[in-house]
Amino acid sequence: MTGFIEGVQRSQRLLFPDRLDDCIGEDDLVRVVDLFVDELDLFGLGFNRAMAARTGRPGYHPATLLKLFIYGYLNRIPSSRRLEREAGRNVEVMWLTGRLVPDHKTIAEFRRTNGDAVRKTCAQFVELCRRIGVLKGDCVAIDGKPSSRR
């Protein structure tokens, strides 16, 4: 197939750059999400398990799951199963989570048990976006299913 641009052979060995950081641009939105979540007082916002337990099996840090959650909504990926899939194949998500791949049940449980804290965090994130000039609209809406409390 001469005269055409050709891709690499699928059987050829490829190496990712030594650092995931090399794949993410300096002005990429995932860097904003990362910095924002790292500056939050997760315990003060009411996130469950913001402090590590002394015994038992270690779990995911709430900051990691919150970063994944915010990334999902910024990129219109609300499904826990799709977020799990993205964590295993999307370089931005790999960078954001440190190559952790929480399963969909863990992501869904995080959402279910931290609803109020996530809402508070989203309000802070919207305010940050307004301050830095990313949001210019008068109304911001996050689509969601109302919880059934009976």
C-alpha atoms as a PDB file:
ATOM      1  CA  MET A   1       0.000   0.000   0.000  1.00  0.00           C
ATOM      2  CA  THR A   2       2.589   2.543  -1.031  1.00  0.00           C
ATOM      3  CA  GLY A   3       1.585   6.153  -1.380  1.00  0.00           C
ATOM      4  CA  PHE A   4      -0.652   6.079   1.733  1.00  0.00           C
ATOM      5  CA  ILE A   5      -0.027   6.885   5.375  1.00  0.00           C
ATOM      6  CA  GLU A   6       0.271   3.598   7.169  1.00  0.00           C
ATOM      7  CA  GLY A   7      -0.190   2.806  10.834  1.00  0.00           C
ATOM      8  CA  VAL A   8       2.039   0.550  12.878  1.00  0.00           C
ATOM      9  CA  GLN A   9       1.754  -3.201  12.671  1.00  0.00           C
ATOM     10  CA  ARG A  10      -0.646  -4.475  15.332  1.00  0.00           C
ATOM     11  CA  SER A  11       1.822  -7.150  16.374  1.00  0.00           C
ATOM     12  CA  GLN A  12       4.610  -4.596  16.947  1.00  0.00           C
ATOM     13  CA  ARG A  13       5.550  -4.029  20.570  1.00  0.00           C
ATOM     14  CA  LEU A  14       4.807  -0.542  21.821  1.00  0.00           C
ATOM     15  CA  LEU A  15       5.909   1.199  24.953  1.00  0.00           C
ATOM     16  CA  PHE A  16       3.965   3.929  26.679  1.00  0.00           C
ATOM     17  CA  PRO A  17       6.072   6.872  27.736  1.00  0.00           C
ATOM     18  CA  ASP A  18       7.872   6.256  31.015  1.00  0.00           C
ATOM     19  CA  ARG A  19       5.547   8.693  32.722  1.00  0.00           C
ATOM     20  CA  LEU A  20       1.796   9.065  32.307  1.00  0.00           C
ATOM     21  CA  ASP A  21       2.379  12.737  33.013  1.00  0.00           C
ATOM     22  CA  ASP A  22       3.932  13.021  29.531  1.00  0.00           C
ATOM     23  CA  CYS A  23       0.572  12.069  27.978  1.00  0.00           C
ATOM     24  CA  ILE A  24      -1.411  14.809  29.730  1.00  0.00           C
ATOM     25  CA  GLY A  25      -1.133  18.411  28.539  1.00  0.00           C
ATOM     26  CA  GLU A  26      -0.249  21.172  30.975  1.00  0.00           C
ATOM     27  CA  ASP A  27      -3.659  22.829  30.476  1.00  0.00           C
ATOM     28  CA  ASP A  28      -5.718  19.634  30.434  1.00  0.00           C
ATOM     29  CA  LEU A  29      -8.948  19.699  32.470  1.00  0.00           C
ATOM     30  CA  VAL A  30      -7.972  16.569  34.426  1.00  0.00           C
ATOM     31  CA  ARG A  31      -5.204  18.603  36.067  1.00  0.00           C
ATOM     32  CA  VAL A  32      -7.822  21.068  37.343  1.00  0.00           C
ATOM     33  CA  VAL A  33      -9.947  18.218  38.716  1.00  0.00           C
ATOM     34  CA  ASP A  34      -6.878  16.694  40.395  1.00  0.00           C
ATOM     35  CA  LEU A  35      -5.808  19.949  42.059  1.00  0.00           C
ATOM     36  CA  PHE A  36      -9.357  20.810  43.085  1.00  0.00           C
ATOM     37  CA  VAL A  37     -10.017  17.490  44.822  1.00  0.00           C
ATOM     38  CA  ASP A  38      -6.576  17.440  46.463  1.00  0.00           C
ATOM     39  CA  GLU A  39      -7.353  20.801  48.113  1.00  0.00           C
ATOM     40  CA  LEU A  40     -10.704  19.698  49.569  1.00  0.00           C
ATOM     41  CA  ASP A  41     -11.298  18.834  53.217  1.00  0.00           C
ATOM     42  CA  LEU A  42     -13.035  15.526  52.549  1.00  0.00           C
ATOM     43  CA  PHE A  43     -13.678  14.825  56.209  1.00  0.00           C
ATOM     44  CA  GLY A  44     -15.197  18.288  56.674  1.00  0.00           C
ATOM     45  CA  LEU A  45     -17.448  17.805  53.649  1.00  0.00           C
ATOM     46  CA  GLY A  46     -18.776  14.582  55.161  1.00  0.00           C
ATOM     47  CA  PHE A  47     -17.252  11.901  52.955  1.00  0.00           C
ATOM     48  CA  ASN A  48     -17.442   8.412  54.440  1.00  0.00           C
ATOM     49  CA  ARG A  49     -14.127   6.738  55.130  1.00  0.00           C
ATOM     50  CA  ALA A  50     -12.141   9.952  54.689  1.00  0.00           C
ATOM     51  CA  MET A  51      -9.887   8.570  57.420  1.00  0.00           C
ATOM     52  CA  ALA A  52      -8.315   5.158  56.926  1.00  0.00           C
ATOM     53  CA  ALA A  53      -9.541   2.383  59.208  1.00  0.00           C
ATOM     54  CA  ARG A  54      -7.060   0.812  61.611  1.00  0.00           C
ATOM     55  CA  THR A  55      -8.070  -2.727  60.779  1.00  0.00           C
ATOM     56  CA  GLY A  56      -9.535  -4.577  57.841  1.00  0.00           C
ATOM     57  CA  ARG A  57      -8.763  -4.498  54.176  1.00  0.00           C
ATOM     58  CA  PRO A  58      -7.723  -1.080  52.813  1.00  0.00           C
ATOM     59  CA  GLY A  59     -10.204   0.610  50.507  1.00  0.00           C
ATOM     60  CA  TYR A  60      -9.974   3.276  47.851  1.00  0.00           C
ATOM     61  CA  HIS A  61      -9.364   6.783  49.100  1.00  0.00           C
ATOM     62  CA  PRO A  62     -12.500   8.919  48.661  1.00  0.00           C
ATOM     63  CA  ALA A  63     -10.422  11.491  46.730  1.00  0.00           C
ATOM     64  CA  THR A  64      -9.671   8.919  44.015  1.00  0.00           C
ATOM     65  CA  LEU A  65     -13.334   7.991  43.619  1.00  0.00           C
ATOM     66  CA  LEU A  66     -14.388  11.649  43.703  1.00  0.00           C
ATOM     67  CA  LYS A  67     -11.914  12.497  40.937  1.00  0.00           C
ATOM     68  CA  LEU A  68     -13.329   9.660  38.866  1.00  0.00           C
ATOM     69  CA  PHE A  69     -16.889  10.824  39.587  1.00  0.00           C
ATOM     70  CA  ILE A  70     -16.177  14.450  38.582  1.00  0.00           C
ATOM     71  CA  TYR A  71     -14.324  13.327  35.456  1.00  0.00           C
ATOM     72  CA  GLY A  72     -17.315  11.206  34.494  1.00  0.00           C
ATOM     73  CA  TYR A  73     -19.765  14.068  34.738  1.00  0.00           C
ATOM     74  CA  LEU A  74     -17.494  16.512  32.923  1.00  0.00           C
ATOM     75  CA  ASN A  75     -17.194  14.016  30.069  1.00  0.00           C
ATOM     76  CA  ARG A  76     -20.802  12.763  30.118  1.00  0.00           C
ATOM     77  CA  ILE A  77     -19.945   9.343  31.504  1.00  0.00           C
ATOM     78  CA  PRO A  78     -22.464   8.904  34.346  1.00  0.00           C
ATOM     79  CA  SER A  79     -22.558   5.102  34.348  1.00  0.00           C
ATOM     80  CA  SER A  80     -20.523   3.243  36.978  1.00  0.00           C
ATOM     81  CA  ARG A  81     -19.838   0.454  34.511  1.00  0.00           C
ATOM     82  CA  ARG A  82     -18.572   2.890  31.874  1.00  0.00           C
ATOM     83  CA  LEU A  83     -16.393   4.663  34.430  1.00  0.00           C
ATOM     84  CA  GLU A  84     -14.869   1.303  35.364  1.00  0.00           C
ATOM     85  CA  ARG A  85     -14.163   0.644  31.680  1.00  0.00           C
ATOM     86  CA  GLU A  86     -12.647   4.114  31.164  1.00  0.00           C
ATOM     87  CA  ALA A  87     -10.358   3.644  34.166  1.00  0.00           C
ATOM     88  CA  GLY A  88      -8.792   0.663  32.413  1.00  0.00           C
ATOM     89  CA  ARG A  89      -8.321   2.199  28.960  1.00  0.00           C
ATOM     90  CA  ASN A  90      -8.459   6.017  29.080  1.00  0.00           C
ATOM     91  CA  VAL A  91      -5.028   7.599  29.627  1.00  0.00           C
ATOM     92  CA  GLU A  92      -6.540  10.712  31.260  1.00  0.00           C
ATOM     93  CA  VAL A  93      -8.370   8.561  33.813  1.00  0.00           C
ATOM     94  CA  MET A  94      -5.282   6.424  34.373  1.00  0.00           C
ATOM     95  CA  TRP A  95      -3.346   9.592  35.155  1.00  0.00           C
ATOM     96  CA  LEU A  96      -6.113  10.942  37.388  1.00  0.00           C
ATOM     97  CA  THR A  97      -6.511   7.771  39.458  1.00  0.00           C
ATOM     98  CA  GLY A  98      -2.902   6.624  39.489  1.00  0.00           C
ATOM     99  CA  ARG A  99      -3.845   3.647  37.273  1.00  0.00           C
ATOM    100  CA  LEU A 100      -6.346   2.329  39.817  1.00  0.00           C
ATOM    101  CA  VAL A 101      -9.396   0.614  38.365  1.00  0.00           C
ATOM    102  CA  PRO A 102     -12.220   0.471  40.915  1.00  0.00           C
ATOM    103  CA  ASP A 103     -15.054  -1.850  39.951  1.00  0.00           C
ATOM    104  CA  HIS A 104     -18.518  -0.544  39.122  1.00  0.00           C
ATOM    105  CA  LYS A 105     -19.968  -1.706  42.451  1.00  0.00           C
ATOM    106  CA  THR A 106     -17.386   0.325  44.377  1.00  0.00           C
ATOM    107  CA  ILE A 107     -18.127   3.422  42.264  1.00  0.00           C
ATOM    108  CA  ALA A 108     -21.896   3.016  42.715  1.00  0.00           C
ATOM    109  CA  GLU A 109     -21.530   2.461  46.471  1.00  0.00           C
ATOM    110  CA  PHE A 110     -19.387   5.595  46.743  1.00  0.00           C
ATOM    111  CA  ARG A 111     -22.120   7.631  45.046  1.00  0.00           C
ATOM    112  CA  ARG A 112     -24.864   6.111  47.169  1.00  0.00           C
ATOM    113  CA  THR A 113     -23.176   6.634  50.521  1.00  0.00           C
ATOM    114  CA  ASN A 114     -21.717  10.095  49.830  1.00  0.00           C
ATOM    115  CA  GLY A 115     -24.594  11.866  48.069  1.00  0.00           C
ATOM    116  CA  ASP A 116     -24.682  14.955  50.302  1.00  0.00           C
ATOM    117  CA  ALA A 117     -20.908  15.374  50.282  1.00  0.00           C
ATOM    118  CA  VAL A 118     -20.793  15.020  46.489  1.00  0.00           C
ATOM    119  CA  ARG A 119     -23.474  17.714  46.130  1.00  0.00           C
ATOM    120  CA  LYS A 120     -21.481  20.080  48.360  1.00  0.00           C
ATOM    121  CA  THR A 121     -18.357  19.342  46.331  1.00  0.00           C
ATOM    122  CA  CYS A 122     -20.147  19.971  43.034  1.00  0.00           C
ATOM    123  CA  ALA A 123     -21.349  23.335  44.337  1.00  0.00           C
ATOM    124  CA  GLN A 124     -17.760  24.263  45.236  1.00  0.00           C
ATOM    125  CA  PHE A 125     -16.516  23.100  41.832  1.00  0.00           C
ATOM    126  CA  VAL A 126     -19.132  25.195  40.007  1.00  0.00           C
ATOM    127  CA  GLU A 127     -18.097  28.213  42.088  1.00  0.00           C
ATOM    128  CA  LEU A 128     -14.442  27.614  41.203  1.00  0.00           C
ATOM    129  CA  CYS A 129     -15.321  27.356  37.518  1.00  0.00           C
ATOM    130  CA  ARG A 130     -17.183  30.663  37.726  1.00  0.00           C
ATOM    131  CA  ARG A 131     -14.247  32.361  39.458  1.00  0.00           C
ATOM    132  CA  ILE A 132     -11.728  31.243  36.847  1.00  0.00           C
ATOM    133  CA  GLY A 133     -14.083  32.133  33.992  1.00  0.00           C
ATOM    134  CA  VAL A 134     -14.847  28.673  32.665  1.00  0.00           C
ATOM    135  CA  LEU A 135     -18.593  28.980  33.356  1.00  0.00           C
ATOM    136  CA  LYS A 136     -20.372  32.042  32.090  1.00  0.00           C
ATOM    137  CA  GLY A 137     -24.005  30.895  32.199  1.00  0.00           C
ATOM    138  CA  ASP A 138     -26.559  31.902  34.774  1.00  0.00           C
ATOM    139  CA  CYS A 139     -27.790  28.378  35.378  1.00  0.00           C
ATOM    140  CA  VAL A 140     -25.897  25.147  35.962  1.00  0.00           C
ATOM    141  CA  ALA A 141     -27.793  21.868  36.145  1.00  0.00           C
ATOM    142  CA  ILE A 142     -26.561  18.388  36.951  1.00  0.00           C
ATOM    143  CA  ASP A 143     -28.866  15.690  35.699  1.00  0.00           C
ATOM    144  CA  GLY A 144     -29.601  12.980  38.182  1.00  0.00           C
ATOM    145  CA  LYS A 145     -32.150  10.572  39.444  1.00  0.00           C
ATOM    146  CA  PRO A 146     -33.791  11.617  42.707  1.00  0.00           C
ATOM    147  CA  SER A 147     -33.167   9.169  45.517  1.00  0.00           C
ATOM    148  CA  SER A 148     -36.124   7.289  46.904  1.00  0.00           C
ATOM    149  CA  ARG A 149     -36.267   7.678  50.670  1.00  0.00           C
ATOM    150  CA  ARG A 150     -39.205   5.892  52.155  1.00  0.00           C
END
